[in-house]
Amino acid sequence: MKPYLRNKIPSSPEEIPENTAYEAGYLVTKNAGWRNVKPVISIGKCVGCLNCYLYCPDGVIYQDNGKAAIDYDFCKGCGICRKICKTGAIEMEAEK
């Protein structure tokens, strides 16, 4: 599921995440434009394990055709996904 802006913040117990980060789709504001590096996924190296999705603190990673993809509108460029990727499929590039 690709993240998108929601009109409301989760309030009921059913909407509260059970993991360490919100599931994709609960973001309420776009990136403020201060990111100076961004993660880029090498589709050829990605095995679709989605560990990056599980560890992303902002829930901006989603599955697209069996591989990981990133919604850059919400990514803050923290680099956690790069550190957790065991196949080395994610590299950090300078923001242009």
Protein backbone atom coordinates (compact mmCIF):
# COMPACT_ATOMS: atom_id res chain seq x y z
CA MET A 1 0.00 0.00 0.00
CA LYS A 2 1.49 3.34 -1.00
CA PRO A 3 1.28 6.05 1.68
CA TYR A 4 -1.08 8.95 1.15
CA LEU A 5 -2.31 11.86 3.22
CA ARG A 6 -5.10 11.07 5.63
CA ASN A 7 -7.69 13.57 6.78
CA LYS A 8 -7.49 12.45 10.38
CA ILE A 9 -4.98 11.12 12.87
CA PRO A 10 -5.72 7.61 14.22
CA SER A 11 -7.85 7.77 17.36
CA SER A 12 -9.51 4.41 17.91
CA PRO A 13 -7.68 1.35 19.29
CA GLU A 14 -8.11 -0.44 15.95
CA GLU A 15 -6.11 2.29 14.20
CA ILE A 16 -3.20 2.30 16.66
CA PRO A 17 -0.22 0.36 15.28
CA GLU A 18 0.95 -2.87 16.89
CA ASN A 19 4.53 -2.43 15.65
CA THR A 20 7.21 0.19 16.26
CA ALA A 21 6.07 2.41 13.38
CA TYR A 22 2.75 3.34 11.79
CA GLU A 23 1.71 1.25 8.82
CA ALA A 24 1.99 3.02 5.48
CA GLY A 25 -0.85 5.43 4.87
CA TYR A 26 -1.06 7.18 8.26
CA LEU A 27 1.20 10.10 7.41
CA VAL A 28 -0.44 13.48 7.80
CA THR A 29 2.21 15.95 6.54
CA LYS A 30 4.60 15.93 3.59
CA ASN A 31 8.39 16.23 3.91
CA ALA A 32 9.28 19.81 4.83
CA GLY A 33 12.06 19.93 2.22
CA TRP A 34 15.01 19.73 4.60
CA ARG A 35 16.20 16.27 3.51
CA ASN A 36 19.73 16.42 2.05
CA VAL A 37 20.15 12.72 1.19
CA LYS A 38 17.60 10.19 0.03
CA PRO A 39 17.55 6.39 -0.21
CA VAL A 40 17.55 4.89 -3.69
CA ILE A 41 16.67 1.22 -4.19
CA SER A 42 18.50 -0.91 -6.75
CA ILE A 43 15.67 -3.07 -8.06
CA GLY A 44 18.14 -5.67 -9.33
CA LYS A 45 19.54 -6.23 -5.83
CA CYS A 46 16.22 -6.02 -3.96
CA VAL A 47 14.89 -9.46 -2.97
CA GLY A 48 11.58 -8.13 -1.64
CA CYS A 49 12.18 -9.13 1.99
CA LEU A 50 10.73 -5.78 3.14
CA ASN A 51 12.96 -5.50 6.21
CA CYS A 52 13.33 -1.86 5.21
CA TYR A 53 9.54 -1.49 5.46
CA LEU A 54 9.52 -3.00 8.94
CA TYR A 55 12.23 -0.67 10.24
CA CYS A 56 11.18 2.57 8.50
CA PRO A 57 10.13 4.95 11.29
CA ASP A 58 7.88 6.94 8.96
CA GLY A 59 6.19 4.12 7.04
CA VAL A 60 7.21 5.45 3.63
CA ILE A 61 8.33 2.13 2.15
CA TYR A 62 5.80 -0.07 0.40
CA GLN A 63 5.80 -3.10 -1.89
CA ASP A 64 5.51 -2.58 -5.63
CA ASN A 65 5.67 -5.61 -7.95
CA GLY A 66 7.37 -7.71 -5.28
CA LYS A 67 10.11 -5.15 -4.59
CA ALA A 68 10.47 -2.30 -2.12
CA ALA A 69 9.59 1.25 -3.21
CA ILE A 70 9.82 4.59 -1.42
CA ASP A 71 7.39 7.49 -1.31
CA TYR A 72 9.77 10.47 -1.37
CA ASP A 73 7.01 12.92 -0.46
CA PHE A 74 7.27 11.65 3.12
CA CYS A 75 10.82 10.24 3.40
CA LYS A 76 13.07 12.18 5.78
CA GLY A 77 16.32 10.54 4.59
CA CYS A 78 17.29 9.03 7.94
CA GLY A 79 19.12 6.07 6.32
CA ILE A 80 17.75 3.35 8.59
CA CYS A 81 16.54 1.42 5.54
CA ARG A 82 20.07 1.43 4.09
CA LYS A 83 21.59 0.13 7.31
CA ILE A 84 19.02 -2.67 7.69
CA CYS A 85 19.18 -3.87 4.03
CA LYS A 86 21.15 -7.13 4.05
CA THR A 87 21.52 -7.28 0.26
CA GLY A 88 22.91 -3.75 -0.08
CA ALA A 89 20.06 -2.77 -2.40
CA ILE A 90 19.63 0.68 -0.82
CA GLU A 91 22.15 3.48 -1.20
CA MET A 92 21.92 7.06 0.01
CA GLU A 93 22.25 9.74 -2.70
CA ALA A 94 22.56 13.49 -2.38
CA GLU A 95 19.29 15.33 -2.83
CA LYS A 96 19.19 17.42 -5.99
